[in-house]
């Protein structure tokens, strides 16, 4: 699948889920989306890990997506995180995201179950044939307890034309390089760990899906733009405060 060169690139913060009186506060959620639009994020992720989706019902996850699409009003693309430990639940979320109008899908490796690599291939190829949307694997072995190998990625690439990339939330730059070498520079790889924001983009990652984007979306968007412009020294200087929470917090409070 050929993507527009600006699509699925840049900073796509995974939004938190606000609650009030024990229920999801959808009005507050809409304001979070508007905040991302106002502060220049290149896109957003709905019900990713930062949203604690495993504690939400399917209906709550679906409603979050509907609210996000309405609040964004087409001003930025929306990636719907539709993965679950259950194939049936993933399919229900994916089918809803298709109809609701999400721009792309992010599907986490089935967590807790620890499927073999052949199981991952079968799982993803089955889901892929049920949507025409571009979709990415969410690779987070620290939480899902399963890793994806290069051979598995290759089998999925060959079997699913709409498979376009992954969110990589593990401390492994080598795997990023191997994937980009195998699948080409347009294969979308998003950074999922704050401390790898600059390093991973410097070797070819397409952007950031970092939780800290909920607090400082403008800073992350600017970091991405600097890398895209080839201004690596400036991007590197912007990156290091993320490793020092106290200085990052001061910078955030003072404004950017």
C-alpha atoms as a PDB file:
ATOM      1  CA  UNK A   1       0.000   0.000   0.000  1.00  0.00           C
ATOM      2  CA  UNK A   2       1.472   3.346  -1.066  1.00  0.00           C
ATOM      3  CA  UNK A   3       0.930   6.103   1.491  1.00  0.00           C
ATOM      4  CA  UNK A   4       1.063   9.853   1.124  1.00  0.00           C
ATOM      5  CA  UNK A   5       4.565  10.912   2.141  1.00  0.00           C
ATOM      6  CA  UNK A   6       3.223  13.035   5.030  1.00  0.00           C
ATOM      7  CA  UNK A   7       0.743  10.459   6.343  1.00  0.00           C
ATOM      8  CA  UNK A   8       1.701   8.463   9.446  1.00  0.00           C
ATOM      9  CA  UNK A   9       4.742  10.624  10.062  1.00  0.00           C
ATOM     10  CA  UNK A  10       5.535  12.885  13.008  1.00  0.00           C
ATOM     11  CA  UNK A  11       4.228  12.987  16.555  1.00  0.00           C
ATOM     12  CA  UNK A  12       1.066  10.962  17.276  1.00  0.00           C
ATOM     13  CA  UNK A  13       0.508  11.097  21.056  1.00  0.00           C
ATOM     14  CA  UNK A  14      -1.536   8.226  22.534  1.00  0.00           C
ATOM     15  CA  UNK A  15      -4.232   9.984  24.541  1.00  0.00           C
ATOM     16  CA  UNK A  16      -5.033   9.240  28.180  1.00  0.00           C
ATOM     17  CA  UNK A  17      -8.577   8.377  29.231  1.00  0.00           C
ATOM     18  CA  UNK A  18     -10.126  10.979  31.569  1.00  0.00           C
ATOM     19  CA  UNK A  19     -12.627   9.784  34.169  1.00  0.00           C
ATOM     20  CA  UNK A  20     -15.212  11.587  36.268  1.00  0.00           C
ATOM     21  CA  UNK A  21     -17.354   9.922  38.941  1.00  0.00           C
ATOM     22  CA  UNK A  22     -16.194   6.481  37.833  1.00  0.00           C
ATOM     23  CA  UNK A  23     -17.126   6.956  34.170  1.00  0.00           C
ATOM     24  CA  UNK A  24     -15.205   7.986  31.062  1.00  0.00           C
ATOM     25  CA  UNK A  25     -15.475  11.771  30.693  1.00  0.00           C
ATOM     26  CA  UNK A  26     -16.090  12.100  26.974  1.00  0.00           C
ATOM     27  CA  UNK A  27     -16.368  15.901  27.135  1.00  0.00           C
ATOM     28  CA  UNK A  28     -12.893  16.062  28.653  1.00  0.00           C
ATOM     29  CA  UNK A  29     -11.688  13.569  26.048  1.00  0.00           C
ATOM     30  CA  UNK A  30     -12.858  15.864  23.259  1.00  0.00           C
ATOM     31  CA  UNK A  31     -10.906  18.712  24.861  1.00  0.00           C
ATOM     32  CA  UNK A  32      -7.777  16.556  24.916  1.00  0.00           C
ATOM     33  CA  UNK A  33      -8.147  16.024  21.178  1.00  0.00           C
ATOM     34  CA  UNK A  34      -8.619  19.747  20.621  1.00  0.00           C
ATOM     35  CA  UNK A  35      -5.489  20.391  22.704  1.00  0.00           C
ATOM     36  CA  UNK A  36      -3.476  18.157  20.379  1.00  0.00           C
ATOM     37  CA  UNK A  37      -4.829  19.943  17.308  1.00  0.00           C
ATOM     38  CA  UNK A  38      -4.038  23.347  18.807  1.00  0.00           C
ATOM     39  CA  UNK A  39      -0.480  22.368  19.714  1.00  0.00           C
ATOM     40  CA  UNK A  40       0.529  21.001  16.338  1.00  0.00           C
ATOM     41  CA  UNK A  41       0.557  17.228  16.777  1.00  0.00           C
ATOM     42  CA  UNK A  42       0.720  15.441  13.449  1.00  0.00           C
ATOM     43  CA  UNK A  43      -1.933  12.931  14.557  1.00  0.00           C
ATOM     44  CA  UNK A  44      -3.235  11.079  17.613  1.00  0.00           C
ATOM     45  CA  UNK A  45      -3.670   7.503  18.805  1.00  0.00           C
ATOM     46  CA  UNK A  46      -6.980   6.540  20.421  1.00  0.00           C
ATOM     47  CA  UNK A  47      -7.088   3.867  23.168  1.00  0.00           C
ATOM     48  CA  UNK A  48      -3.434   2.921  23.014  1.00  0.00           C
ATOM     49  CA  UNK A  49      -1.610   1.645  26.114  1.00  0.00           C
ATOM     50  CA  UNK A  50      -1.586   5.087  27.744  1.00  0.00           C
ATOM     51  CA  UNK A  51      -5.370   4.949  27.579  1.00  0.00           C
ATOM     52  CA  UNK A  52      -5.392   1.738  29.669  1.00  0.00           C
ATOM     53  CA  UNK A  53      -7.613  -0.040  27.130  1.00  0.00           C
ATOM     54  CA  UNK A  54      -7.543  -3.399  28.895  1.00  0.00           C
ATOM     55  CA  UNK A  55      -9.606  -1.784  31.691  1.00  0.00           C
ATOM     56  CA  UNK A  56     -12.130  -0.234  29.290  1.00  0.00           C
ATOM     57  CA  UNK A  57     -15.115  -1.999  27.792  1.00  0.00           C
ATOM     58  CA  UNK A  58     -15.370  -2.454  24.049  1.00  0.00           C
ATOM     59  CA  UNK A  59     -18.209   0.084  24.031  1.00  0.00           C
ATOM     60  CA  UNK A  60     -16.067   2.640  25.882  1.00  0.00           C
ATOM     61  CA  UNK A  61     -13.195   2.185  23.456  1.00  0.00           C
ATOM     62  CA  UNK A  62     -15.539   2.562  20.520  1.00  0.00           C
ATOM     63  CA  UNK A  63     -17.102   5.718  21.951  1.00  0.00           C
ATOM     64  CA  UNK A  64     -13.659   7.252  22.582  1.00  0.00           C
ATOM     65  CA  UNK A  65     -12.895   6.822  18.909  1.00  0.00           C
ATOM     66  CA  UNK A  66     -16.184   8.393  17.834  1.00  0.00           C
ATOM     67  CA  UNK A  67     -15.594  11.374  20.123  1.00  0.00           C
ATOM     68  CA  UNK A  68     -12.025  11.790  18.852  1.00  0.00           C
ATOM     69  CA  UNK A  69     -13.090  11.762  15.208  1.00  0.00           C
ATOM     70  CA  UNK A  70     -15.813  14.303  15.880  1.00  0.00           C
ATOM     71  CA  UNK A  71     -13.537  16.578  17.927  1.00  0.00           C
ATOM     72  CA  UNK A  72     -10.680  16.438  15.421  1.00  0.00           C
ATOM     73  CA  UNK A  73     -13.003  17.418  12.563  1.00  0.00           C
ATOM     74  CA  UNK A  74     -10.501  16.186   9.998  1.00  0.00           C
ATOM     75  CA  UNK A  75      -7.728  18.496  11.258  1.00  0.00           C
ATOM     76  CA  UNK A  76      -5.373  15.616  12.007  1.00  0.00           C
ATOM     77  CA  UNK A  77      -5.340  11.877  11.268  1.00  0.00           C
ATOM     78  CA  UNK A  78      -6.520   9.423  13.882  1.00  0.00           C
ATOM     79  CA  UNK A  79      -4.991   6.023  14.508  1.00  0.00           C
ATOM     80  CA  UNK A  80      -7.366   3.666  16.295  1.00  0.00           C
ATOM     81  CA  UNK A  81      -5.674   1.152  18.578  1.00  0.00           C
ATOM     82  CA  UNK A  82      -7.910  -1.873  18.043  1.00  0.00           C
ATOM     83  CA  UNK A  83      -5.849  -4.704  19.490  1.00  0.00           C
ATOM     84  CA  UNK A  84      -6.777  -7.032  22.348  1.00  0.00           C
ATOM     85  CA  UNK A  85      -5.809 -10.424  23.726  1.00  0.00           C
ATOM     86  CA  UNK A  86      -8.983 -11.683  22.054  1.00  0.00           C
ATOM     87  CA  UNK A  87      -9.315 -12.122  18.289  1.00  0.00           C
ATOM     88  CA  UNK A  88     -13.085 -11.566  18.497  1.00  0.00           C
ATOM     89  CA  UNK A  89     -12.641  -8.348  20.476  1.00  0.00           C
ATOM     90  CA  UNK A  90      -9.927  -7.082  18.132  1.00  0.00           C
ATOM     91  CA  UNK A  91     -12.185  -7.778  15.178  1.00  0.00           C
ATOM     92  CA  UNK A  92     -15.126  -5.956  16.788  1.00  0.00           C
ATOM     93  CA  UNK A  93     -12.945  -2.910  17.504  1.00  0.00           C
ATOM     94  CA  UNK A  94     -11.411  -2.986  14.035  1.00  0.00           C
ATOM     95  CA  UNK A  95     -14.778  -3.270  12.272  1.00  0.00           C
ATOM     96  CA  UNK A  96     -16.111  -0.331  14.277  1.00  0.00           C
ATOM     97  CA  UNK A  97     -12.994   1.747  13.522  1.00  0.00           C
ATOM     98  CA  UNK A  98     -13.490   1.083   9.818  1.00  0.00           C
ATOM     99  CA  UNK A  99     -17.072   2.314   9.906  1.00  0.00           C
ATOM    100  CA  UNK A 100     -16.361   5.232  12.253  1.00  0.00           C
ATOM    101  CA  UNK A 101     -13.736   6.653   9.927  1.00  0.00           C
ATOM    102  CA  UNK A 102     -10.361   6.054  11.576  1.00  0.00           C
ATOM    103  CA  UNK A 103      -7.446   6.791   9.276  1.00  0.00           C
ATOM    104  CA  UNK A 104      -5.314   3.816  10.315  1.00  0.00           C
ATOM    105  CA  UNK A 105      -5.226   0.966  12.830  1.00  0.00           C
ATOM    106  CA  UNK A 106      -2.698  -0.063  15.467  1.00  0.00           C
ATOM    107  CA  UNK A 107      -3.017  -3.694  16.571  1.00  0.00           C
ATOM    108  CA  UNK A 108      -1.075  -4.889  19.597  1.00  0.00           C
ATOM    109  CA  UNK A 109       0.410  -8.369  19.733  1.00  0.00           C
ATOM    110  CA  UNK A 110      -2.033 -10.530  21.730  1.00  0.00           C
ATOM    111  CA  UNK A 111      -0.939 -10.114  25.330  1.00  0.00           C
ATOM    112  CA  UNK A 112      -0.772 -12.692  28.130  1.00  0.00           C
ATOM    113  CA  UNK A 113      -1.380 -15.595  25.717  1.00  0.00           C
ATOM    114  CA  UNK A 114       2.204 -15.617  24.366  1.00  0.00           C
ATOM    115  CA  UNK A 115       1.415 -17.110  20.937  1.00  0.00           C
ATOM    116  CA  UNK A 116       4.170 -18.689  18.817  1.00  0.00           C
ATOM    117  CA  UNK A 117       5.439 -16.791  15.778  1.00  0.00           C
ATOM    118  CA  UNK A 118       3.272 -18.858  13.411  1.00  0.00           C
ATOM    119  CA  UNK A 119       0.299 -17.902  15.577  1.00  0.00           C
ATOM    120  CA  UNK A 120       1.144 -14.215  15.235  1.00  0.00           C
ATOM    121  CA  UNK A 121       1.344 -14.555  11.455  1.00  0.00           C
ATOM    122  CA  UNK A 122      -2.037 -16.315  11.294  1.00  0.00           C
ATOM    123  CA  UNK A 123      -3.629 -13.803  13.683  1.00  0.00           C
ATOM    124  CA  UNK A 124      -2.479 -10.718  11.824  1.00  0.00           C
ATOM    125  CA  UNK A 125      -3.115 -12.057   8.319  1.00  0.00           C
ATOM    126  CA  UNK A 126      -6.659 -12.990   9.289  1.00  0.00           C
ATOM    127  CA  UNK A 127      -7.351  -9.496  10.669  1.00  0.00           C
ATOM    128  CA  UNK A 128      -5.626  -7.800   7.733  1.00  0.00           C
ATOM    129  CA  UNK A 129      -7.921  -9.368   5.167  1.00  0.00           C
ATOM    130  CA  UNK A 130     -10.944  -7.936   7.007  1.00  0.00           C
ATOM    131  CA  UNK A 131      -9.998  -4.273   6.522  1.00  0.00           C
ATOM    132  CA  UNK A 132      -8.744  -2.018   3.762  1.00  0.00           C
ATOM    133  CA  UNK A 133      -7.289   0.474   6.226  1.00  0.00           C
ATOM    134  CA  UNK A 134      -3.523   0.782   6.593  1.00  0.00           C
ATOM    135  CA  UNK A 135      -2.530  -0.912   9.820  1.00  0.00           C
ATOM    136  CA  UNK A 136       0.507  -1.354  12.034  1.00  0.00           C
ATOM    137  CA  UNK A 137       1.677  -3.842  14.610  1.00  0.00           C
ATOM    138  CA  UNK A 138       2.055  -2.539  18.146  1.00  0.00           C
ATOM    139  CA  UNK A 139       5.238  -4.245  19.337  1.00  0.00           C
ATOM    140  CA  UNK A 140       5.510  -3.999  23.121  1.00  0.00           C
ATOM    141  CA  UNK A 141       7.031  -7.252  24.427  1.00  0.00           C
ATOM    142  CA  UNK A 142       7.560  -5.854  27.918  1.00  0.00           C
ATOM    143  CA  UNK A 143       3.800  -5.820  28.433  1.00  0.00           C
ATOM    144  CA  UNK A 144       2.536  -8.374  25.929  1.00  0.00           C
ATOM    145  CA  UNK A 145       5.211 -10.962  26.813  1.00  0.00           C
ATOM    146  CA  UNK A 146       5.770 -11.818  23.154  1.00  0.00           C
ATOM    147  CA  UNK A 147       8.200 -10.426  20.579  1.00  0.00           C
ATOM    148  CA  UNK A 148       7.858 -10.307  16.807  1.00  0.00           C
ATOM    149  CA  UNK A 149      10.772 -11.613  14.750  1.00  0.00           C
ATOM    150  CA  UNK A 150      11.999 -10.253  11.432  1.00  0.00           C
ATOM    151  CA  UNK A 151      10.861 -13.473   9.748  1.00  0.00           C
ATOM    152  CA  UNK A 152       7.352 -13.010  11.132  1.00  0.00           C
ATOM    153  CA  UNK A 153       7.292  -9.388   9.962  1.00  0.00           C
ATOM    154  CA  UNK A 154       8.407 -10.508   6.513  1.00  0.00           C
ATOM    155  CA  UNK A 155       5.622 -13.105   6.293  1.00  0.00           C
ATOM    156  CA  UNK A 156       3.044 -10.471   7.243  1.00  0.00           C
ATOM    157  CA  UNK A 157       4.453  -7.927   4.778  1.00  0.00           C
ATOM    158  CA  UNK A 158       4.184 -10.507   1.990  1.00  0.00           C
ATOM    159  CA  UNK A 159       0.670 -11.578   2.990  1.00  0.00           C
ATOM    160  CA  UNK A 160      -0.961  -8.234   3.793  1.00  0.00           C
ATOM    161  CA  UNK A 161      -0.569  -5.323   1.347  1.00  0.00           C
ATOM    162  CA  UNK A 162      -2.152  -2.921   3.866  1.00  0.00           C
ATOM    163  CA  UNK A 163       0.430  -3.712   6.574  1.00  0.00           C
ATOM    164  CA  UNK A 164       2.479  -0.509   6.664  1.00  0.00           C
ATOM    165  CA  UNK A 165       4.551  -0.474   9.847  1.00  0.00           C
ATOM    166  CA  UNK A 166       4.761  -0.812  13.612  1.00  0.00           C
ATOM    167  CA  UNK A 167       4.972   1.038  16.877  1.00  0.00           C
ATOM    168  CA  UNK A 168       8.177  -0.191  18.489  1.00  0.00           C
ATOM    169  CA  UNK A 169       8.117   0.080  22.283  1.00  0.00           C
ATOM    170  CA  UNK A 170      11.238  -1.850  23.203  1.00  0.00           C
ATOM    171  CA  UNK A 171      14.864  -0.883  23.688  1.00  0.00           C
ATOM    172  CA  UNK A 172      16.162  -2.430  20.451  1.00  0.00           C
ATOM    173  CA  UNK A 173      17.497  -0.052  17.811  1.00  0.00           C
ATOM    174  CA  UNK A 174      19.026  -2.953  15.930  1.00  0.00           C
ATOM    175  CA  UNK A 175      15.612  -4.410  15.118  1.00  0.00           C
ATOM    176  CA  UNK A 176      14.498  -1.042  13.732  1.00  0.00           C
ATOM    177  CA  UNK A 177      17.494  -0.941  11.399  1.00  0.00           C
ATOM    178  CA  UNK A 178      16.881  -4.513  10.263  1.00  0.00           C
ATOM    179  CA  UNK A 179      13.216  -3.798   9.496  1.00  0.00           C
ATOM    180  CA  UNK A 180      13.980  -0.634   7.543  1.00  0.00           C
ATOM    181  CA  UNK A 181      16.703  -2.434   5.623  1.00  0.00           C
ATOM    182  CA  UNK A 182      14.365  -5.327   4.828  1.00  0.00           C
ATOM    183  CA  UNK A 183      11.172  -3.417   4.043  1.00  0.00           C
ATOM    184  CA  UNK A 184      12.458  -0.064   2.831  1.00  0.00           C
ATOM    185  CA  UNK A 185      12.639   3.466   4.249  1.00  0.00           C
ATOM    186  CA  UNK A 186       8.914   4.091   3.761  1.00  0.00           C
ATOM    187  CA  UNK A 187       8.013   1.311   6.191  1.00  0.00           C
ATOM    188  CA  UNK A 188       6.538   3.267   9.103  1.00  0.00           C
ATOM    189  CA  UNK A 189       8.163   2.681  12.466  1.00  0.00           C
ATOM    190  CA  UNK A 190       6.972   4.826  15.368  1.00  0.00           C
ATOM    191  CA  UNK A 191       9.003   5.255  18.547  1.00  0.00           C
ATOM    192  CA  UNK A 192       7.190   4.045  21.639  1.00  0.00           C
ATOM    193  CA  UNK A 193       9.777   4.881  24.321  1.00  0.00           C
ATOM    194  CA  UNK A 194      10.661   8.458  25.251  1.00  0.00           C
ATOM    195  CA  UNK A 195      14.365   7.788  25.781  1.00  0.00           C
ATOM    196  CA  UNK A 196      14.678   6.503  22.208  1.00  0.00           C
ATOM    197  CA  UNK A 197      12.836   9.408  20.586  1.00  0.00           C
ATOM    198  CA  UNK A 198      15.823  10.990  18.880  1.00  0.00           C
ATOM    199  CA  UNK A 199      18.026   7.896  18.383  1.00  0.00           C
ATOM    200  CA  UNK A 200      15.313   5.866  16.688  1.00  0.00           C
ATOM    201  CA  UNK A 201      14.236   8.716  14.428  1.00  0.00           C
ATOM    202  CA  UNK A 202      17.876   9.353  13.541  1.00  0.00           C
ATOM    203  CA  UNK A 203      18.136   5.836  12.072  1.00  0.00           C
ATOM    204  CA  UNK A 204      14.887   6.174  10.129  1.00  0.00           C
ATOM    205  CA  UNK A 205      11.831   5.910  12.390  1.00  0.00           C
ATOM    206  CA  UNK A 206       8.925   7.906  10.999  1.00  0.00           C
ATOM    207  CA  UNK A 207       7.778   9.547  14.217  1.00  0.00           C
ATOM    208  CA  UNK A 208       6.760   9.328  17.852  1.00  0.00           C
ATOM    209  CA  UNK A 209       3.892   7.701  19.728  1.00  0.00           C
ATOM    210  CA  UNK A 210       5.035   8.772  23.177  1.00  0.00           C
ATOM    211  CA  UNK A 211       2.868   9.155  26.268  1.00  0.00           C
ATOM    212  CA  UNK A 212       4.608  12.403  27.228  1.00  0.00           C
ATOM    213  CA  UNK A 213       2.926  13.935  24.187  1.00  0.00           C
ATOM    214  CA  UNK A 214      -0.149  14.300  26.382  1.00  0.00           C
ATOM    215  CA  UNK A 215       1.772  16.946  28.349  1.00  0.00           C
ATOM    216  CA  UNK A 216       4.060  18.524  25.759  1.00  0.00           C
ATOM    217  CA  UNK A 217       2.670  17.910  22.273  1.00  0.00           C
ATOM    218  CA  UNK A 218       4.274  21.010  20.773  1.00  0.00           C
ATOM    219  CA  UNK A 219       7.746  19.951  21.908  1.00  0.00           C
ATOM    220  CA  UNK A 220       7.401  16.469  20.417  1.00  0.00           C
ATOM    221  CA  UNK A 221       6.016  17.798  17.148  1.00  0.00           C
ATOM    222  CA  UNK A 222       8.941  20.207  16.916  1.00  0.00           C
ATOM    223  CA  UNK A 223      11.433  17.433  17.637  1.00  0.00           C
ATOM    224  CA  UNK A 224       9.961  15.422  14.773  1.00  0.00           C
ATOM    225  CA  UNK A 225      10.024  18.389  12.416  1.00  0.00           C
ATOM    226  CA  UNK A 226      13.674  19.088  13.222  1.00  0.00           C
ATOM    227  CA  UNK A 227      14.676  15.523  12.377  1.00  0.00           C
ATOM    228  CA  UNK A 228      12.707  15.634   9.127  1.00  0.00           C
ATOM    229  CA  UNK A 229      14.485  18.879   8.228  1.00  0.00           C
ATOM    230  CA  UNK A 230      17.874  17.288   8.850  1.00  0.00           C
ATOM    231  CA  UNK A 231      18.599  19.543  11.831  1.00  0.00           C
ATOM    232  CA  UNK A 232      19.905  16.728  13.981  1.00  0.00           C
ATOM    233  CA  UNK A 233      21.976  18.799  16.415  1.00  0.00           C
ATOM    234  CA  UNK A 234      18.969  20.940  17.301  1.00  0.00           C
ATOM    235  CA  UNK A 235      16.781  17.827  17.612  1.00  0.00           C
ATOM    236  CA  UNK A 236      19.330  16.154  19.874  1.00  0.00           C
ATOM    237  CA  UNK A 237      19.341  19.151  22.230  1.00  0.00           C
ATOM    238  CA  UNK A 238      15.557  19.004  22.424  1.00  0.00           C
ATOM    239  CA  UNK A 239      15.692  15.273  23.145  1.00  0.00           C
ATOM    240  CA  UNK A 240      17.882  15.235  26.246  1.00  0.00           C
ATOM    241  CA  UNK A 241      15.492  17.023  28.645  1.00  0.00           C
ATOM    242  CA  UNK A 242      13.152  14.034  28.277  1.00  0.00           C
ATOM    243  CA  UNK A 243      15.781  12.033  30.172  1.00  0.00           C
ATOM    244  CA  UNK A 244      15.669  14.503  33.086  1.00  0.00           C
ATOM    245  CA  UNK A 245      12.066  14.654  34.353  1.00  0.00           C
ATOM    246  CA  UNK A 246      12.687  17.606  36.666  1.00  0.00           C
ATOM    247  CA  UNK A 247      14.089  19.866  33.928  1.00  0.00           C
ATOM    248  CA  UNK A 248      11.475  18.691  31.453  1.00  0.00           C
ATOM    249  CA  UNK A 249       8.699  19.546  33.895  1.00  0.00           C
ATOM    250  CA  UNK A 250      10.108  23.052  34.465  1.00  0.00           C
ATOM    251  CA  UNK A 251      10.354  23.654  30.729  1.00  0.00           C
ATOM    252  CA  UNK A 252       6.812  22.402  30.233  1.00  0.00           C
ATOM    253  CA  UNK A 253       5.382  24.627  32.968  1.00  0.00           C
ATOM    254  CA  UNK A 254       7.226  27.704  31.743  1.00  0.00           C
ATOM    255  CA  UNK A 255       5.785  27.133  28.283  1.00  0.00           C
ATOM    256  CA  UNK A 256       7.317  26.268  24.966  1.00  0.00           C
END
